[in-house]
C-alpha cells in the first residue's frame, strides 16, 4: 500500500533508480571479481579514486537528464543509487570528492587539486558517454568504470 499514492513521475524515478543502480553495480561487481582474481592492490585503490566518483556522478546525471529534476530530488536519487552500490557510503564518497574540488577554489588551485578536478571531469565525461551508449542500445560496450578500476586507463 506504500506505493499506492505515488505520482507517475515518482514511479518512473523508482524504475530509473533501479535500472541505473543495477547497471553501475554490474560494473563495480565485475571490477570486484577482477580484483579478487588478481589481488591487485592498485585496482582496489582505484575503487575509491576521484575518477570513480566522477564516473558515477556523470553517469547518473546523464541518465536522469530527461527528468529535469530539482536539485533536492536529484540528490535523493543519487543517494539511493550510490548508497546501494557502496553500502550506505557511496553518496558521501562521491560528495566528498566534489567538496574537495569546491574547497580548492577557496584555497587556491594546487597541483594536487588540479589533478583531482581533472580526474573527476574525465570520469564525468566517460560516465556520461557510457550512459549515452546505453540510450543508443550499446549496453555491451559500457565497461568504462570496470576498465578504469582494473587497468587505471581513463579512456
C-alpha atoms as a PDB file:
ATOM      1  CA  UNK A   1       0.000   0.000   0.000  1.00  0.00           C
ATOM      2  CA  UNK A   2       3.036   2.261   0.385  1.00  0.00           C
ATOM      3  CA  UNK A   3       3.276   2.850  -3.380  1.00  0.00           C
ATOM      4  CA  UNK A   4      -0.452   3.321  -3.864  1.00  0.00           C
ATOM      5  CA  UNK A   5      -0.344   7.110  -3.755  1.00  0.00           C
ATOM      6  CA  UNK A   6       2.890   7.684  -5.644  1.00  0.00           C
ATOM      7  CA  UNK A   7       2.802  10.051  -8.604  1.00  0.00           C
ATOM      8  CA  UNK A   8       3.531   8.778 -12.087  1.00  0.00           C
ATOM      9  CA  UNK A   9       6.887  10.593 -12.074  1.00  0.00           C
ATOM     10  CA  UNK A  10       7.845   9.051  -8.707  1.00  0.00           C
ATOM     11  CA  UNK A  11       7.117   5.593 -10.085  1.00  0.00           C
ATOM     12  CA  UNK A  12       9.182   6.337 -13.182  1.00  0.00           C
ATOM     13  CA  UNK A  13      12.011   7.617 -10.977  1.00  0.00           C
ATOM     14  CA  UNK A  14      11.919   4.432  -8.890  1.00  0.00           C
ATOM     15  CA  UNK A  15      12.275   2.357 -12.062  1.00  0.00           C
ATOM     16  CA  UNK A  16      15.096   4.596 -13.294  1.00  0.00           C
ATOM     17  CA  UNK A  17      16.908   4.392  -9.936  1.00  0.00           C
ATOM     18  CA  UNK A  18      16.773   0.597 -10.072  1.00  0.00           C
ATOM     19  CA  UNK A  19      17.882   0.457 -13.711  1.00  0.00           C
ATOM     20  CA  UNK A  20      20.771   2.896 -13.310  1.00  0.00           C
ATOM     21  CA  UNK A  21      21.834   1.434  -9.973  1.00  0.00           C
ATOM     22  CA  UNK A  22      21.838  -2.071 -11.433  1.00  0.00           C
ATOM     23  CA  UNK A  23      23.934  -1.012 -14.419  1.00  0.00           C
ATOM     24  CA  UNK A  24      26.540   0.697 -12.231  1.00  0.00           C
ATOM     25  CA  UNK A  25      26.507  -2.148  -9.721  1.00  0.00           C
ATOM     26  CA  UNK A  26      27.161  -4.606 -12.556  1.00  0.00           C
ATOM     27  CA  UNK A  27      30.352  -2.736 -13.456  1.00  0.00           C
ATOM     28  CA  UNK A  28      31.518  -2.483  -9.834  1.00  0.00           C
ATOM     29  CA  UNK A  29      30.783  -6.183  -9.272  1.00  0.00           C
ATOM     30  CA  UNK A  30      32.788  -7.099 -12.394  1.00  0.00           C
ATOM     31  CA  UNK A  31      35.672  -4.988 -11.118  1.00  0.00           C
ATOM     32  CA  UNK A  32      35.438  -6.630  -7.692  1.00  0.00           C
ATOM     33  CA  UNK A  33      35.604 -10.043  -9.323  1.00  0.00           C
ATOM     34  CA  UNK A  34      38.682  -8.997 -11.282  1.00  0.00           C
ATOM     35  CA  UNK A  35      40.306  -7.668  -8.113  1.00  0.00           C
ATOM     36  CA  UNK A  36      39.623 -10.950  -6.318  1.00  0.00           C
ATOM     37  CA  UNK A  37      41.246 -12.907  -9.125  1.00  0.00           C
ATOM     38  CA  UNK A  38      44.337 -10.726  -9.440  1.00  0.00           C
ATOM     39  CA  UNK A  39      44.597  -9.475  -5.849  1.00  0.00           C
ATOM     40  CA  UNK A  40      45.830  -6.199  -7.334  1.00  0.00           C
ATOM     41  CA  UNK A  41      46.017  -3.511  -4.629  1.00  0.00           C
ATOM     42  CA  UNK A  42      46.203  -0.719  -7.209  1.00  0.00           C
ATOM     43  CA  UNK A  43      42.830  -1.797  -8.585  1.00  0.00           C
ATOM     44  CA  UNK A  44      41.384  -1.823  -5.096  1.00  0.00           C
ATOM     45  CA  UNK A  45      42.652   1.729  -4.566  1.00  0.00           C
ATOM     46  CA  UNK A  46      41.090   2.836  -7.861  1.00  0.00           C
ATOM     47  CA  UNK A  47      37.698   1.780  -6.487  1.00  0.00           C
ATOM     48  CA  UNK A  48      37.990   4.845  -4.207  1.00  0.00           C
ATOM     49  CA  UNK A  49      39.528   7.150  -6.795  1.00  0.00           C
ATOM     50  CA  UNK A  50      38.292  10.581  -7.808  1.00  0.00           C
ATOM     51  CA  UNK A  51      37.778   9.263 -11.355  1.00  0.00           C
ATOM     52  CA  UNK A  52      35.391   6.599  -9.994  1.00  0.00           C
ATOM     53  CA  UNK A  53      33.330   9.242  -8.189  1.00  0.00           C
ATOM     54  CA  UNK A  54      33.285  11.421 -11.316  1.00  0.00           C
ATOM     55  CA  UNK A  55      32.235   8.487 -13.497  1.00  0.00           C
ATOM     56  CA  UNK A  56      29.342   7.607 -11.222  1.00  0.00           C
ATOM     57  CA  UNK A  57      28.244  11.241 -10.946  1.00  0.00           C
ATOM     58  CA  UNK A  58      28.386  11.831 -14.706  1.00  0.00           C
ATOM     59  CA  UNK A  59      26.632   8.553 -15.471  1.00  0.00           C
ATOM     60  CA  UNK A  60      23.747   9.252 -13.104  1.00  0.00           C
ATOM     61  CA  UNK A  61      23.416  12.899 -14.163  1.00  0.00           C
ATOM     62  CA  UNK A  62      23.185  11.834 -17.788  1.00  0.00           C
ATOM     63  CA  UNK A  63      20.683   9.057 -17.121  1.00  0.00           C
ATOM     64  CA  UNK A  64      18.358  11.441 -15.248  1.00  0.00           C
ATOM     65  CA  UNK A  65      18.705  14.435 -17.570  1.00  0.00           C
ATOM     66  CA  UNK A  66      15.346  13.816 -19.232  1.00  0.00           C
ATOM     67  CA  UNK A  67      13.529  14.217 -15.905  1.00  0.00           C
ATOM     68  CA  UNK A  68      14.613  17.852 -15.271  1.00  0.00           C
ATOM     69  CA  UNK A  69      14.617  17.232 -11.521  1.00  0.00           C
ATOM     70  CA  UNK A  70      15.107  19.869  -8.852  1.00  0.00           C
ATOM     71  CA  UNK A  71      18.434  19.507  -7.053  1.00  0.00           C
ATOM     72  CA  UNK A  72      16.906  18.016  -3.896  1.00  0.00           C
ATOM     73  CA  UNK A  73      15.104  15.256  -5.814  1.00  0.00           C
ATOM     74  CA  UNK A  74      18.191  14.536  -7.933  1.00  0.00           C
ATOM     75  CA  UNK A  75      20.272  14.202  -4.767  1.00  0.00           C
ATOM     76  CA  UNK A  76      17.723  11.736  -3.351  1.00  0.00           C
ATOM     77  CA  UNK A  77      18.017   9.589  -6.480  1.00  0.00           C
ATOM     78  CA  UNK A  78      21.818   9.757  -6.421  1.00  0.00           C
ATOM     79  CA  UNK A  79      21.870   8.815  -2.737  1.00  0.00           C
ATOM     80  CA  UNK A  80      19.725   5.725  -3.377  1.00  0.00           C
ATOM     81  CA  UNK A  81      21.944   4.639  -6.264  1.00  0.00           C
ATOM     82  CA  UNK A  82      25.362   5.355  -4.766  1.00  0.00           C
ATOM     83  CA  UNK A  83      24.500   4.016  -1.310  1.00  0.00           C
ATOM     84  CA  UNK A  84      23.068   0.894  -2.934  1.00  0.00           C
ATOM     85  CA  UNK A  85      26.361   0.241  -4.698  1.00  0.00           C
ATOM     86  CA  UNK A  86      28.722   1.128  -1.840  1.00  0.00           C
ATOM     87  CA  UNK A  87      26.573   0.105   1.144  1.00  0.00           C
ATOM     88  CA  UNK A  88      25.443   3.405   2.671  1.00  0.00           C
ATOM     89  CA  UNK A  89      28.758   5.129   1.922  1.00  0.00           C
ATOM     90  CA  UNK A  90      28.561   5.766  -1.814  1.00  0.00           C
ATOM     91  CA  UNK A  91      26.802   9.109  -1.689  1.00  0.00           C
ATOM     92  CA  UNK A  92      29.192  10.519   0.921  1.00  0.00           C
ATOM     93  CA  UNK A  93      32.135   9.163  -1.142  1.00  0.00           C
ATOM     94  CA  UNK A  94      31.022  10.983  -4.314  1.00  0.00           C
ATOM     95  CA  UNK A  95      30.061  14.175  -2.480  1.00  0.00           C
ATOM     96  CA  UNK A  96      33.374  14.226  -0.580  1.00  0.00           C
ATOM     97  CA  UNK A  97      35.212  14.347  -3.917  1.00  0.00           C
ATOM     98  CA  UNK A  98      33.005  17.237  -5.049  1.00  0.00           C
ATOM     99  CA  UNK A  99      33.628  19.018  -1.734  1.00  0.00           C
ATOM    100  CA  UNK A 100      37.389  18.602  -2.218  1.00  0.00           C
ATOM    101  CA  UNK A 101      37.124  20.437  -5.530  1.00  0.00           C
ATOM    102  CA  UNK A 102      34.883  23.151  -4.069  1.00  0.00           C
ATOM    103  CA  UNK A 103      37.368  23.738  -1.253  1.00  0.00           C
ATOM    104  CA  UNK A 104      40.203  24.025  -3.758  1.00  0.00           C
ATOM    105  CA  UNK A 105      38.618  27.188  -5.163  1.00  0.00           C
ATOM    106  CA  UNK A 106      38.811  28.792  -1.725  1.00  0.00           C
ATOM    107  CA  UNK A 107      42.359  27.626  -1.006  1.00  0.00           C
ATOM    108  CA  UNK A 108      43.805  28.336  -4.424  1.00  0.00           C
ATOM    109  CA  UNK A 109      44.322  25.635  -7.001  1.00  0.00           C
ATOM    110  CA  UNK A 110      47.295  23.440  -6.147  1.00  0.00           C
ATOM    111  CA  UNK A 111      48.708  20.803  -8.463  1.00  0.00           C
ATOM    112  CA  UNK A 112      47.075  18.067  -6.386  1.00  0.00           C
ATOM    113  CA  UNK A 113      43.691  19.758  -6.546  1.00  0.00           C
ATOM    114  CA  UNK A 114      44.094  20.397 -10.263  1.00  0.00           C
ATOM    115  CA  UNK A 115      44.759  16.681 -10.764  1.00  0.00           C
ATOM    116  CA  UNK A 116      41.686  15.850  -8.640  1.00  0.00           C
ATOM    117  CA  UNK A 117      39.476  18.162 -10.692  1.00  0.00           C
ATOM    118  CA  UNK A 118      40.852  16.784 -13.955  1.00  0.00           C
ATOM    119  CA  UNK A 119      40.277  13.165 -12.911  1.00  0.00           C
ATOM    120  CA  UNK A 120      36.745  13.935 -11.704  1.00  0.00           C
ATOM    121  CA  UNK A 121      35.992  15.693 -15.003  1.00  0.00           C
ATOM    122  CA  UNK A 122      37.399  12.820 -17.073  1.00  0.00           C
ATOM    123  CA  UNK A 123      35.307  10.398 -15.018  1.00  0.00           C
ATOM    124  CA  UNK A 124      32.182  12.505 -15.532  1.00  0.00           C
ATOM    125  CA  UNK A 125      32.772  12.607 -19.274  1.00  0.00           C
ATOM    126  CA  UNK A 126      33.268   8.845 -19.518  1.00  0.00           C
ATOM    127  CA  UNK A 127      30.248   8.147 -17.319  1.00  0.00           C
ATOM    128  CA  UNK A 128      28.104  10.445 -19.433  1.00  0.00           C
ATOM    129  CA  UNK A 129      29.416   8.854 -22.651  1.00  0.00           C
ATOM    130  CA  UNK A 130      28.645   5.366 -21.329  1.00  0.00           C
ATOM    131  CA  UNK A 131      25.128   6.427 -20.358  1.00  0.00           C
ATOM    132  CA  UNK A 132      24.612   7.701 -23.904  1.00  0.00           C
ATOM    133  CA  UNK A 133      25.784   4.337 -25.291  1.00  0.00           C
ATOM    134  CA  UNK A 134      23.077   2.627 -23.256  1.00  0.00           C
ATOM    135  CA  UNK A 135      20.452   5.010 -24.631  1.00  0.00           C
ATOM    136  CA  UNK A 136      21.645   4.066 -28.136  1.00  0.00           C
ATOM    137  CA  UNK A 137      21.283   0.348 -27.330  1.00  0.00           C
ATOM    138  CA  UNK A 138      25.001  -0.315 -26.968  1.00  0.00           C
ATOM    139  CA  UNK A 139      24.869  -1.661 -23.385  1.00  0.00           C
ATOM    140  CA  UNK A 140      27.536  -4.308 -24.027  1.00  0.00           C
ATOM    141  CA  UNK A 141      30.042  -1.532 -24.806  1.00  0.00           C
ATOM    142  CA  UNK A 142      29.590   0.055 -21.375  1.00  0.00           C
ATOM    143  CA  UNK A 143      32.570  -1.060 -19.308  1.00  0.00           C
ATOM    144  CA  UNK A 144      34.332   2.248 -18.640  1.00  0.00           C
ATOM    145  CA  UNK A 145      34.209   2.041 -14.861  1.00  0.00           C
ATOM    146  CA  UNK A 146      35.246  -1.609 -14.740  1.00  0.00           C
ATOM    147  CA  UNK A 147      38.094  -0.961 -17.159  1.00  0.00           C
ATOM    148  CA  UNK A 148      39.357   2.011 -15.142  1.00  0.00           C
ATOM    149  CA  UNK A 149      39.286   0.139 -11.851  1.00  0.00           C
ATOM    150  CA  UNK A 150      41.127  -2.866 -13.285  1.00  0.00           C
ATOM    151  CA  UNK A 151      43.621  -1.091 -15.549  1.00  0.00           C
ATOM    152  CA  UNK A 152      43.779   2.553 -14.475  1.00  0.00           C
ATOM    153  CA  UNK A 153      43.114   3.739 -18.024  1.00  0.00           C
ATOM    154  CA  UNK A 154      40.965   6.858 -18.236  1.00  0.00           C
ATOM    155  CA  UNK A 155      39.879   6.460 -21.855  1.00  0.00           C
END
